[in-house]
Amino acid sequence: MSRVIKEKVLSVPEVKEIMEKIGEENLDQFQRRTLDYATKFSKIDAKNAKKLIKKLVNEFKLEEGEAVQIVNCMPESIEELRVFLAGGRKIVETSKLESILALLEKFRKKE
């Protein structure tokens, strides 16, 4: 019987990195599909994803789950970005959203 030791929210790029370290030959069918998905939908690499999540949490006071979803999707407009911020329940200043988009763009260009 397995037990949970630690639970952590991971971005798609982080999942990809972990599964690549395990090695495709050591993955079962479900895990191979997960790796395929992570490979197709990772917008930035895992190292930059971790840095970006940290910045979004520390500088913009976002919840970790919100930051991970933003990194997974890398929205390109204010309208797209609003979708990830508490389901639109809280008002976020446009200037803050523009700053977040500028940060996302910097990380997008690092690739």
PDB file of N, CA and C in Angstrom:
ATOM      1  N   MET A   1       0.836  -1.174   0.000  1.00  0.00           N
ATOM      2  CA  MET A   1       0.000   0.000   0.000  1.00  0.00           C
ATOM      3  C   MET A   1       0.887   1.245   0.000  1.00  0.00           C
ATOM      4  N   SER A   2       0.610   2.161  -0.923  1.00  0.00           N
ATOM      5  CA  SER A   2       1.416   3.383  -0.996  1.00  0.00           C
ATOM      6  C   SER A   2       0.764   4.481  -0.183  1.00  0.00           C
ATOM      7  N   ARG A   3       1.588   5.406   0.264  1.00  0.00           N
ATOM      8  CA  ARG A   3       1.043   6.530   1.017  1.00  0.00           C
ATOM      9  C   ARG A   3       1.676   7.820   0.503  1.00  0.00           C
ATOM     10  N   VAL A   4       0.946   8.889   0.647  1.00  0.00           N
ATOM     11  CA  VAL A   4       1.407  10.189   0.192  1.00  0.00           C
ATOM     12  C   VAL A   4       2.373  10.748   1.229  1.00  0.00           C
ATOM     13  N   ILE A   5       3.570  11.080   0.778  1.00  0.00           N
ATOM     14  CA  ILE A   5       4.573  11.662   1.669  1.00  0.00           C
ATOM     15  C   ILE A   5       4.517  13.179   1.586  1.00  0.00           C
ATOM     16  N   LYS A   6       4.376  13.669   0.371  1.00  0.00           N
ATOM     17  CA  LYS A   6       4.353  15.110   0.156  1.00  0.00           C
ATOM     18  C   LYS A   6       3.523  15.393  -1.093  1.00  0.00           C
ATOM     19  N   GLU A   7       2.760  16.464  -1.047  1.00  0.00           N
ATOM     20  CA  GLU A   7       1.970  16.860  -2.195  1.00  0.00           C
ATOM     21  C   GLU A   7       2.462  18.212  -2.679  1.00  0.00           C
ATOM     22  N   LYS A   8       2.662  18.341  -3.999  1.00  0.00           N
ATOM     23  CA  LYS A   8       3.164  19.585  -4.562  1.00  0.00           C
ATOM     24  C   LYS A   8       2.499  19.824  -5.904  1.00  0.00           C
ATOM     25  N   VAL A   9       2.109  21.060  -6.153  1.00  0.00           N
ATOM     26  CA  VAL A   9       1.533  21.430  -7.441  1.00  0.00           C
ATOM     27  C   VAL A   9       2.691  21.573  -8.431  1.00  0.00           C
ATOM     28  N   LEU A  10       2.584  20.922  -9.581  1.00  0.00           N
ATOM     29  CA  LEU A  10       3.627  20.976 -10.600  1.00  0.00           C
ATOM     30  C   LEU A  10       3.080  21.569 -11.887  1.00  0.00           C
ATOM     31  N   SER A  11       3.934  22.298 -12.568  1.00  0.00           N
ATOM     32  CA  SER A  11       3.575  22.797 -13.892  1.00  0.00           C
ATOM     33  C   SER A  11       3.818  21.690 -14.913  1.00  0.00           C
ATOM     34  N   VAL A  12       3.243  21.843 -16.078  1.00  0.00           N
ATOM     35  CA  VAL A  12       3.425  20.864 -17.151  1.00  0.00           C
ATOM     36  C   VAL A  12       4.921  20.718 -17.507  1.00  0.00           C
ATOM     37  N   PRO A  13       5.690  21.822 -17.620  1.00  0.00           N
ATOM     38  CA  PRO A  13       7.118  21.653 -17.907  1.00  0.00           C
ATOM     39  C   PRO A  13       7.876  20.868 -16.816  1.00  0.00           C
ATOM     40  N   GLU A  14       7.469  21.038 -15.559  1.00  0.00           N
ATOM     41  CA  GLU A  14       8.114  20.294 -14.476  1.00  0.00           C
ATOM     42  C   GLU A  14       7.784  18.800 -14.568  1.00  0.00           C
ATOM     43  N   VAL A  15       6.542  18.482 -14.920  1.00  0.00           N
ATOM     44  CA  VAL A  15       6.143  17.081 -15.110  1.00  0.00           C
ATOM     45  C   VAL A  15       6.977  16.466 -16.226  1.00  0.00           C
ATOM     46  N   LYS A  16       7.125  17.197 -17.303  1.00  0.00           N
ATOM     47  CA  LYS A  16       7.917  16.712 -18.441  1.00  0.00           C
ATOM     48  C   LYS A  16       9.348  16.404 -17.999  1.00  0.00           C
ATOM     49  N   GLU A  17       9.954  17.316 -17.253  1.00  0.00           N
ATOM     50  CA  GLU A  17      11.329  17.129 -16.798  1.00  0.00           C
ATOM     51  C   GLU A  17      11.454  15.874 -15.915  1.00  0.00           C
ATOM     52  N   ILE A  18      10.541  15.693 -15.000  1.00  0.00           N
ATOM     53  CA  ILE A  18      10.577  14.535 -14.099  1.00  0.00           C
ATOM     54  C   ILE A  18      10.448  13.237 -14.896  1.00  0.00           C
ATOM     55  N   MET A  19       9.510  13.212 -15.825  1.00  0.00           N
ATOM     56  CA  MET A  19       9.273  11.985 -16.589  1.00  0.00           C
ATOM     57  C   MET A  19      10.432  11.676 -17.535  1.00  0.00           C
ATOM     58  N   GLU A  20      11.069  12.709 -18.068  1.00  0.00           N
ATOM     59  CA  GLU A  20      12.240  12.484 -18.919  1.00  0.00           C
ATOM     60  C   GLU A  20      13.397  11.903 -18.107  1.00  0.00           C
ATOM     61  N   LYS A  21      13.529  12.342 -16.848  1.00  0.00           N
ATOM     62  CA  LYS A  21      14.578  11.808 -15.973  1.00  0.00           C
ATOM     63  C   LYS A  21      14.359  10.328 -15.675  1.00  0.00           C
ATOM     64  N   ILE A  22      13.091   9.933 -15.547  1.00  0.00           N
ATOM     65  CA  ILE A  22      12.773   8.521 -15.304  1.00  0.00           C
ATOM     66  C   ILE A  22      13.165   7.686 -16.516  1.00  0.00           C
ATOM     67  N   GLY A  23      12.971   8.250 -17.698  1.00  0.00           N
ATOM     68  CA  GLY A  23      13.312   7.549 -18.939  1.00  0.00           C
ATOM     69  C   GLY A  23      12.097   6.869 -19.527  1.00  0.00           C
ATOM     70  N   GLU A  24      11.869   7.107 -20.797  1.00  0.00           N
ATOM     71  CA  GLU A  24      10.667   6.590 -21.451  1.00  0.00           C
ATOM     72  C   GLU A  24      10.572   5.068 -21.369  1.00  0.00           C
ATOM     73  N   GLU A  25      11.710   4.385 -21.408  1.00  0.00           N
ATOM     74  CA  GLU A  25      11.703   2.919 -21.349  1.00  0.00           C
ATOM     75  C   GLU A  25      11.213   2.386 -20.005  1.00  0.00           C
ATOM     76  N   ASN A  26      11.214   3.228 -18.977  1.00  0.00           N
ATOM     77  CA  ASN A  26      10.769   2.818 -17.648  1.00  0.00           C
ATOM     78  C   ASN A  26       9.329   3.241 -17.330  1.00  0.00           C
ATOM     79  N   LEU A  27       8.658   3.824 -18.305  1.00  0.00           N
ATOM     80  CA  LEU A  27       7.302   4.319 -18.087  1.00  0.00           C
ATOM     81  C   LEU A  27       6.265   3.318 -18.568  1.00  0.00           C
ATOM     82  N   ASP A  28       5.133   3.256 -17.860  1.00  0.00           N
ATOM     83  CA  ASP A  28       4.031   2.429 -18.348  1.00  0.00           C
ATOM     84  C   ASP A  28       3.260   3.219 -19.405  1.00  0.00           C
ATOM     85  N   GLN A  29       2.226   2.620 -19.963  1.00  0.00           N
ATOM     86  CA  GLN A  29       1.481   3.243 -21.065  1.00  0.00           C
ATOM     87  C   GLN A  29       0.884   4.591 -20.657  1.00  0.00           C
ATOM     88  N   PHE A  30       0.264   4.657 -19.478  1.00  0.00           N
ATOM     89  CA  PHE A  30      -0.339   5.898 -19.003  1.00  0.00           C
ATOM     90  C   PHE A  30       0.721   6.984 -18.826  1.00  0.00           C
ATOM     91  N   GLN A  31       1.857   6.608 -18.263  1.00  0.00           N
ATOM     92  CA  GLN A  31       2.932   7.572 -18.043  1.00  0.00           C
ATOM     93  C   GLN A  31       3.519   8.057 -19.370  1.00  0.00           C
ATOM     94  N   ARG A  32       3.600   7.186 -20.361  1.00  0.00           N
ATOM     95  CA  ARG A  32       4.076   7.603 -21.693  1.00  0.00           C
ATOM     96  C   ARG A  32       3.125   8.615 -22.320  1.00  0.00           C
ATOM     97  N   ARG A  33       1.827   8.402 -22.147  1.00  0.00           N
ATOM     98  CA  ARG A  33       0.844   9.364 -22.658  1.00  0.00           C
ATOM     99  C   ARG A  33       0.985  10.704 -21.946  1.00  0.00           C
ATOM    100  N   THR A  34       1.242  10.633 -20.648  1.00  0.00           N
ATOM    101  CA  THR A  34       1.432  11.857 -19.867  1.00  0.00           C
ATOM    102  C   THR A  34       2.667  12.595 -20.358  1.00  0.00           C
ATOM    103  N   LEU A  35       3.752  11.875 -20.600  1.00  0.00           N
ATOM    104  CA  LEU A  35       4.974  12.493 -21.123  1.00  0.00           C
ATOM    105  C   LEU A  35       4.713  13.100 -22.497  1.00  0.00           C
ATOM    106  N   ASP A  36       3.988  12.400 -23.347  1.00  0.00           N
ATOM    107  CA  ASP A  36       3.662  12.917 -24.672  1.00  0.00           C
ATOM    108  C   ASP A  36       2.877  14.225 -24.553  1.00  0.00           C
ATOM    109  N   TYR A  37       1.884  14.242 -23.668  1.00  0.00           N
ATOM    110  CA  TYR A  37       1.090  15.454 -23.434  1.00  0.00           C
ATOM    111  C   TYR A  37       1.989  16.589 -22.947  1.00  0.00           C
ATOM    112  N   ALA A  38       2.811  16.304 -21.949  1.00  0.00           N
ATOM    113  CA  ALA A  38       3.692  17.328 -21.368  1.00  0.00           C
ATOM    114  C   ALA A  38       4.660  17.871 -22.413  1.00  0.00           C
ATOM    115  N   THR A  39       5.147  17.018 -23.284  1.00  0.00           N
ATOM    116  CA  THR A  39       6.062  17.444 -24.344  1.00  0.00           C
ATOM    117  C   THR A  39       5.354  18.365 -25.332  1.00  0.00           C
ATOM    118  N   LYS A  40       4.137  18.015 -25.709  1.00  0.00           N
ATOM    119  CA  LYS A  40       3.386  18.813 -26.676  1.00  0.00           C
ATOM    120  C   LYS A  40       2.942  20.160 -26.117  1.00  0.00           C
ATOM    121  N   PHE A  41       2.614  20.210 -24.836  1.00  0.00           N
ATOM    122  CA  PHE A  41       1.984  21.403 -24.290  1.00  0.00           C
ATOM    123  C   PHE A  41       2.862  22.250 -23.377  1.00  0.00           C
ATOM    124  N   SER A  42       4.123  21.878 -23.195  1.00  0.00           N
ATOM    125  CA  SER A  42       5.031  22.726 -22.420  1.00  0.00           C
ATOM    126  C   SER A  42       5.377  23.956 -23.251  1.00  0.00           C
ATOM    127  N   LYS A  43       5.151  25.118 -22.676  1.00  0.00           N
ATOM    128  CA  LYS A  43       5.399  26.371 -23.395  1.00  0.00           C
ATOM    129  C   LYS A  43       6.800  26.916 -23.112  1.00  0.00           C
ATOM    130  N   ILE A  44       7.380  26.533 -21.956  1.00  0.00           N
ATOM    131  CA  ILE A  44       8.747  26.933 -21.601  1.00  0.00           C
ATOM    132  C   ILE A  44       9.401  25.737 -20.917  1.00  0.00           C
ATOM    133  N   ASP A  45      10.709  25.810 -20.677  1.00  0.00           N
ATOM    134  CA  ASP A  45      11.377  24.692 -20.017  1.00  0.00           C
ATOM    135  C   ASP A  45      11.131  24.719 -18.505  1.00  0.00           C
ATOM    136  N   ALA A  46      11.437  23.624 -17.847  1.00  0.00           N
ATOM    137  CA  ALA A  46      11.133  23.458 -16.421  1.00  0.00           C
ATOM    138  C   ALA A  46      11.883  24.467 -15.547  1.00  0.00           C
ATOM    139  N   LYS A  47      13.125  24.730 -15.876  1.00  0.00           N
ATOM    140  CA  LYS A  47      13.922  25.675 -15.077  1.00  0.00           C
ATOM    141  C   LYS A  47      13.273  27.062 -15.083  1.00  0.00           C
ATOM    142  N   ASN A  48      12.901  27.530 -16.263  1.00  0.00           N
ATOM    143  CA  ASN A  48      12.247  28.831 -16.374  1.00  0.00           C
ATOM    144  C   ASN A  48      10.846  28.807 -15.782  1.00  0.00           C
ATOM    145  N   ALA A  49      10.155  27.677 -15.877  1.00  0.00           N
ATOM    146  CA  ALA A  49       8.815  27.560 -15.284  1.00  0.00           C
ATOM    147  C   ALA A  49       8.896  27.751 -13.772  1.00  0.00           C
ATOM    148  N   LYS A  50       9.879  27.122 -13.135  1.00  0.00           N
ATOM    149  CA  LYS A  50      10.048  27.257 -11.683  1.00  0.00           C
ATOM    150  C   LYS A  50      10.342  28.706 -11.301  1.00  0.00           C
ATOM    151  N   LYS A  51      11.229  29.344 -12.053  1.00  0.00           N
ATOM    152  CA  LYS A  51      11.566  30.753 -11.777  1.00  0.00           C
ATOM    153  C   LYS A  51      10.345  31.650 -11.941  1.00  0.00           C
ATOM    154  N   LEU A  52       9.597  31.412 -13.007  1.00  0.00           N
ATOM    155  CA  LEU A  52       8.427  32.234 -13.302  1.00  0.00           C
ATOM    156  C   LEU A  52       7.344  32.061 -12.231  1.00  0.00           C
ATOM    157  N   ILE A  53       7.109  30.843 -11.811  1.00  0.00           N
ATOM    158  CA  ILE A  53       6.118  30.594 -10.753  1.00  0.00           C
ATOM    159  C   ILE A  53       6.528  31.333  -9.484  1.00  0.00           C
ATOM    160  N   LYS A  54       7.796  31.247  -9.140  1.00  0.00           N
ATOM    161  CA  LYS A  54       8.299  31.918  -7.936  1.00  0.00           C
ATOM    162  C   LYS A  54       8.083  33.435  -8.030  1.00  0.00           C
ATOM    163  N   LYS A  55       8.380  34.015  -9.194  1.00  0.00           N
ATOM    164  CA  LYS A  55       8.190  35.454  -9.380  1.00  0.00           C
ATOM    165  C   LYS A  55       6.716  35.843  -9.291  1.00  0.00           C
ATOM    166  N   LEU A  56       5.855  35.055  -9.911  1.00  0.00           N
ATOM    167  CA  LEU A  56       4.422  35.360  -9.876  1.00  0.00           C
ATOM    168  C   LEU A  56       3.878  35.309  -8.446  1.00  0.00           C
ATOM    169  N   VAL A  57       4.355  34.363  -7.666  1.00  0.00           N
ATOM    170  CA  VAL A  57       3.907  34.233  -6.276  1.00  0.00           C
ATOM    171  C   VAL A  57       4.487  35.357  -5.413  1.00  0.00           C
ATOM    172  N   ASN A  58       5.784  35.589  -5.532  1.00  0.00           N
ATOM    173  CA  ASN A  58       6.454  36.562  -4.655  1.00  0.00           C
ATOM    174  C   ASN A  58       6.208  38.017  -5.049  1.00  0.00           C
ATOM    175  N   GLU A  59       6.298  38.323  -6.329  1.00  0.00           N
ATOM    176  CA  GLU A  59       6.185  39.709  -6.773  1.00  0.00           C
ATOM    177  C   GLU A  59       4.742  40.168  -6.975  1.00  0.00           C
ATOM    178  N   PHE A  60       3.891  39.258  -7.410  1.00  0.00           N
ATOM    179  CA  PHE A  60       2.515  39.639  -7.721  1.00  0.00           C
ATOM    180  C   PHE A  60       1.507  39.078  -6.721  1.00  0.00           C
ATOM    181  N   LYS A  61       2.010  38.376  -5.704  1.00  0.00           N
ATOM    182  CA  LYS A  61       1.164  37.840  -4.621  1.00  0.00           C
ATOM    183  C   LYS A  61       0.037  36.940  -5.137  1.00  0.00           C
ATOM    184  N   LEU A  62       0.357  36.133  -6.167  1.00  0.00           N
ATOM    185  CA  LEU A  62      -0.612  35.173  -6.675  1.00  0.00           C
ATOM    186  C   LEU A  62      -0.532  33.894  -5.848  1.00  0.00           C
ATOM    187  N   GLU A  63      -1.600  33.148  -5.813  1.00  0.00           N
ATOM    188  CA  GLU A  63      -1.569  31.836  -5.180  1.00  0.00           C
ATOM    189  C   GLU A  63      -0.755  30.907  -6.080  1.00  0.00           C
ATOM    190  N   GLU A  64      -0.115  29.909  -5.475  1.00  0.00           N
ATOM    191  CA  GLU A  64       0.728  29.007  -6.258  1.00  0.00           C
ATOM    192  C   GLU A  64      -0.061  28.316  -7.369  1.00  0.00           C
ATOM    193  N   GLY A  65      -1.278  27.886  -7.072  1.00  0.00           N
ATOM    194  CA  GLY A  65      -2.101  27.228  -8.093  1.00  0.00           C
ATOM    195  C   GLY A  65      -2.397  28.134  -9.274  1.00  0.00           C
ATOM    196  N   GLU A  66      -2.666  29.408  -8.994  1.00  0.00           N
ATOM    197  CA  GLU A  66      -2.906  30.381 -10.071  1.00  0.00           C
ATOM    198  C   GLU A  66      -1.644  30.544 -10.909  1.00  0.00           C
ATOM    199  N   ALA A  67      -0.508  30.667 -10.235  1.00  0.00           N
ATOM    200  CA  ALA A  67       0.769  30.860 -10.941  1.00  0.00           C
ATOM    201  C   ALA A  67       1.080  29.665 -11.837  1.00  0.00           C
ATOM    202  N   VAL A  68       0.846  28.460 -11.339  1.00  0.00           N
ATOM    203  CA  VAL A  68       1.115  27.254 -12.132  1.00  0.00           C
ATOM    204  C   VAL A  68       0.227  27.226 -13.368  1.00  0.00           C
ATOM    205  N   GLN A  69      -1.046  27.541 -13.214  1.00  0.00           N
ATOM    206  CA  GLN A  69      -1.950  27.536 -14.372  1.00  0.00           C
ATOM    207  C   GLN A  69      -1.552  28.593 -15.403  1.00  0.00           C
ATOM    208  N   ILE A  70      -1.109  29.740 -14.928  1.00  0.00           N
ATOM    209  CA  ILE A  70      -0.642  30.791 -15.840  1.00  0.00           C
ATOM    210  C   ILE A  70       0.575  30.309 -16.611  1.00  0.00           C
ATOM    211  N   VAL A  71       1.511  29.667 -15.926  1.00  0.00           N
ATOM    212  CA  VAL A  71       2.719  29.150 -16.591  1.00  0.00           C
ATOM    213  C   VAL A  71       2.350  28.032 -17.572  1.00  0.00           C
ATOM    214  N   ASN A  72       1.398  27.199 -17.217  1.00  0.00           N
ATOM    215  CA  ASN A  72       0.981  26.119 -18.124  1.00  0.00           C
ATOM    216  C   ASN A  72       0.424  26.658 -19.432  1.00  0.00           C
ATOM    217  N   CYS A  73      -0.306  27.763 -19.360  1.00  0.00           N
ATOM    218  CA  CYS A  73      -0.988  28.287 -20.548  1.00  0.00           C
ATOM    219  C   CYS A  73      -0.297  29.489 -21.185  1.00  0.00           C
ATOM    220  N   MET A  74       0.516  30.210 -20.412  1.00  0.00           N
ATOM    221  CA  MET A  74       1.234  31.384 -20.908  1.00  0.00           C
ATOM    222  C   MET A  74       0.317  32.306 -21.724  1.00  0.00           C
ATOM    223  N   PRO A  75      -0.721  32.862 -21.085  1.00  0.00           N
ATOM    224  CA  PRO A  75      -1.662  33.729 -21.803  1.00  0.00           C
ATOM    225  C   PRO A  75      -0.968  34.934 -22.439  1.00  0.00           C
ATOM    226  N   GLU A  76      -1.555  35.433 -23.531  1.00  0.00           N
ATOM    227  CA  GLU A  76      -0.951  36.523 -24.289  1.00  0.00           C
ATOM    228  C   GLU A  76      -1.766  37.811 -24.236  1.00  0.00           C
ATOM    229  N   SER A  77      -2.898  37.790 -23.563  1.00  0.00           N
ATOM    230  CA  SER A  77      -3.713  39.013 -23.471  1.00  0.00           C
ATOM    231  C   SER A  77      -4.262  39.157 -22.051  1.00  0.00           C
ATOM    232  N   ILE A  78      -4.688  40.369 -21.734  1.00  0.00           N
ATOM    233  CA  ILE A  78      -5.274  40.634 -20.416  1.00  0.00           C
ATOM    234  C   ILE A  78      -6.533  39.789 -20.222  1.00  0.00           C
ATOM    235  N   GLU A  79      -7.341  39.660 -21.259  1.00  0.00           N
ATOM    236  CA  GLU A  79      -8.569  38.876 -21.160  1.00  0.00           C
ATOM    237  C   GLU A  79      -8.258  37.419 -20.832  1.00  0.00           C
ATOM    238  N   GLU A  80      -7.251  36.849 -21.501  1.00  0.00           N
ATOM    239  CA  GLU A  80      -6.860  35.470 -21.221  1.00  0.00           C
ATOM    240  C   GLU A  80      -6.321  35.350 -19.794  1.00  0.00           C
ATOM    241  N   LEU A  81      -5.546  36.308 -19.357  1.00  0.00           N
ATOM    242  CA  LEU A  81      -4.937  36.283 -18.032  1.00  0.00           C
ATOM    243  C   LEU A  81      -5.990  36.362 -16.923  1.00  0.00           C
ATOM    244  N   ARG A  82      -7.007  37.167 -17.119  1.00  0.00           N
ATOM    245  CA  ARG A  82      -8.073  37.320 -16.109  1.00  0.00           C
ATOM    246  C   ARG A  82      -8.741  35.981 -15.777  1.00  0.00           C
ATOM    247  N   VAL A  83      -8.818  35.087 -16.741  1.00  0.00           N
ATOM    248  CA  VAL A  83      -9.456  33.787 -16.549  1.00  0.00           C
ATOM    249  C   VAL A  83      -8.802  33.015 -15.398  1.00  0.00           C
ATOM    250  N   PHE A  84      -7.508  33.194 -15.215  1.00  0.00           N
ATOM    251  CA  PHE A  84      -6.764  32.415 -14.220  1.00  0.00           C
ATOM    252  C   PHE A  84      -6.773  33.016 -12.823  1.00  0.00           C
ATOM    253  N   LEU A  85      -7.225  34.226 -12.707  1.00  0.00           N
ATOM    254  CA  LEU A  85      -7.143  34.914 -11.422  1.00  0.00           C
ATOM    255  C   LEU A  85      -8.455  34.822 -10.661  1.00  0.00           C
ATOM    256  N   ALA A  86      -8.555  33.805  -9.839  1.00  0.00           N
ATOM    257  CA  ALA A  86      -9.699  33.564  -8.950  1.00  0.00           C
ATOM    258  C   ALA A  86     -11.029  33.533  -9.699  1.00  0.00           C
ATOM    259  N   GLY A  87     -11.004  33.029 -10.894  1.00  0.00           N
ATOM    260  CA  GLY A  87     -12.239  32.882 -11.651  1.00  0.00           C
ATOM    261  C   GLY A  87     -12.974  34.186 -11.863  1.00  0.00           C
ATOM    262  N   GLY A  88     -12.229  35.295 -11.857  1.00  0.00           N
ATOM    263  CA  GLY A  88     -12.833  36.596 -12.065  1.00  0.00           C
ATOM    264  C   GLY A  88     -13.538  37.159 -10.838  1.00  0.00           C
ATOM    265  N   ARG A  89     -13.392  36.492  -9.687  1.00  0.00           N
ATOM    266  CA  ARG A  89     -14.077  36.951  -8.471  1.00  0.00           C
ATOM    267  C   ARG A  89     -13.388  38.156  -7.834  1.00  0.00           C
ATOM    268  N   LYS A  90     -12.107  38.322  -8.095  1.00  0.00           N
ATOM    269  CA  LYS A  90     -11.455  39.493  -7.515  1.00  0.00           C
ATOM    270  C   LYS A  90     -11.023  40.443  -8.634  1.00  0.00           C
ATOM    271  N   ILE A  91     -11.039  41.706  -8.323  1.00  0.00           N
ATOM    272  CA  ILE A  91     -10.670  42.726  -9.292  1.00  0.00           C
ATOM    273  C   ILE A  91      -9.156  42.909  -9.237  1.00  0.00           C
ATOM    274  N   VAL A  92      -8.527  42.813 -10.397  1.00  0.00           N
ATOM    275  CA  VAL A  92      -7.084  43.013 -10.498  1.00  0.00           C
ATOM    276  C   VAL A  92      -6.857  44.210 -11.408  1.00  0.00           C
ATOM    277  N   GLU A  93      -6.040  45.136 -10.935  1.00  0.00           N
ATOM    278  CA  GLU A  93      -5.786  46.351 -11.713  1.00  0.00           C
ATOM    279  C   GLU A  93      -5.159  45.990 -13.059  1.00  0.00           C
ATOM    280  N   THR A  94      -5.554  46.731 -14.076  1.00  0.00           N
ATOM    281  CA  THR A  94      -5.033  46.505 -15.426  1.00  0.00           C
ATOM    282  C   THR A  94      -3.522  46.668 -15.462  1.00  0.00           C
ATOM    283  N   SER A  95      -2.981  47.605 -14.700  1.00  0.00           N
ATOM    284  CA  SER A  95      -1.524  47.812 -14.691  1.00  0.00           C
ATOM    285  C   SER A  95      -0.797  46.574 -14.166  1.00  0.00           C
ATOM    286  N   LYS A  96      -1.391  45.905 -13.171  1.00  0.00           N
ATOM    287  CA  LYS A  96      -0.789  44.677 -12.630  1.00  0.00           C
ATOM    288  C   LYS A  96      -0.830  43.575 -13.687  1.00  0.00           C
ATOM    289  N   LEU A  97      -1.950  43.467 -14.383  1.00  0.00           N
ATOM    290  CA  LEU A  97      -2.077  42.456 -15.440  1.00  0.00           C
ATOM    291  C   LEU A  97      -1.076  42.720 -16.559  1.00  0.00           C
ATOM    292  N   GLU A  98      -0.898  43.973 -16.916  1.00  0.00           N
ATOM    293  CA  GLU A  98       0.080  44.319 -17.956  1.00  0.00           C
ATOM    294  C   GLU A  98       1.496  43.959 -17.511  1.00  0.00           C
ATOM    295  N   SER A  99       1.791  44.174 -16.236  1.00  0.00           N
ATOM    296  CA  SER A  99       3.116  43.808 -15.706  1.00  0.00           C
ATOM    297  C   SER A  99       3.331  42.299 -15.746  1.00  0.00           C
ATOM    298  N   ILE A 100       2.289  41.551 -15.417  1.00  0.00           N
ATOM    299  CA  ILE A 100       2.384  40.085 -15.475  1.00  0.00           C
ATOM    300  C   ILE A 100       2.612  39.637 -16.920  1.00  0.00           C
ATOM    301  N   LEU A 101       1.867  40.226 -17.855  1.00  0.00           N
ATOM    302  CA  LEU A 101       2.051  39.866 -19.276  1.00  0.00           C
ATOM    303  C   LEU A 101       3.460  40.193 -19.755  1.00  0.00           C
ATOM    304  N   ALA A 102       4.014  41.320 -19.305  1.00  0.00           N
ATOM    305  CA  ALA A 102       5.382  41.687 -19.679  1.00  0.00           C
ATOM    306  C   ALA A 102       6.371  40.653 -19.147  1.00  0.00           C
ATOM    307  N   LEU A 103       6.158  40.194 -17.927  1.00  0.00           N
ATOM    308  CA  LEU A 103       7.017  39.163 -17.350  1.00  0.00           C
ATOM    309  C   LEU A 103       6.905  37.864 -18.136  1.00  0.00           C
ATOM    310  N   LEU A 104       5.693  37.472 -18.478  1.00  0.00           N
ATOM    311  CA  LEU A 104       5.494  36.259 -19.278  1.00  0.00           C
ATOM    312  C   LEU A 104       6.222  36.364 -20.607  1.00  0.00           C
ATOM    313  N   GLU A 105       6.155  37.540 -21.211  1.00  0.00           N
ATOM    314  CA  GLU A 105       6.813  37.744 -22.505  1.00  0.00           C
ATOM    315  C   GLU A 105       8.323  37.585 -22.391  1.00  0.00           C
ATOM    316  N   LYS A 106       8.911  38.085 -21.307  1.00  0.00           N
ATOM    317  CA  LYS A 106      10.362  37.925 -21.088  1.00  0.00           C
ATOM    318  C   LYS A 106      10.739  36.455 -21.036  1.00  0.00           C
ATOM    319  N   PHE A 107       9.942  35.669 -20.333  1.00  0.00           N
ATOM    320  CA  PHE A 107      10.234  34.243 -20.225  1.00  0.00           C
ATOM    321  C   PHE A 107       9.951  33.495 -21.532  1.00  0.00           C
ATOM    322  N   ARG A 108       8.969  33.964 -22.280  1.00  0.00           N
ATOM    323  CA  ARG A 108       8.657  33.353 -23.569  1.00  0.00           C
ATOM    324  C   ARG A 108       9.831  33.535 -24.529  1.00  0.00           C
ATOM    325  N   LYS A 109      10.505  34.687 -24.445  1.00  0.00           N
ATOM    326  CA  LYS A 109      11.612  34.997 -25.358  1.00  0.00           C
ATOM    327  C   LYS A 109      12.899  34.276 -24.974  1.00  0.00           C
ATOM    328  N   LYS A 110      12.996  33.750 -23.748  1.00  0.00           N
ATOM    329  CA  LYS A 110      14.191  33.032 -23.307  1.00  0.00           C
ATOM    330  C   LYS A 110      14.338  31.697 -24.022  1.00  0.00           C
ATOM    331  N   GLU A 111      13.249  31.196 -24.548  1.00  0.00           N
ATOM    332  CA  GLU A 111      13.263  29.875 -25.202  1.00  0.00           C
ATOM    333  C   GLU A 111      14.048  29.891 -26.484  1.00  0.00           C
TER     334      GLU A 111
END
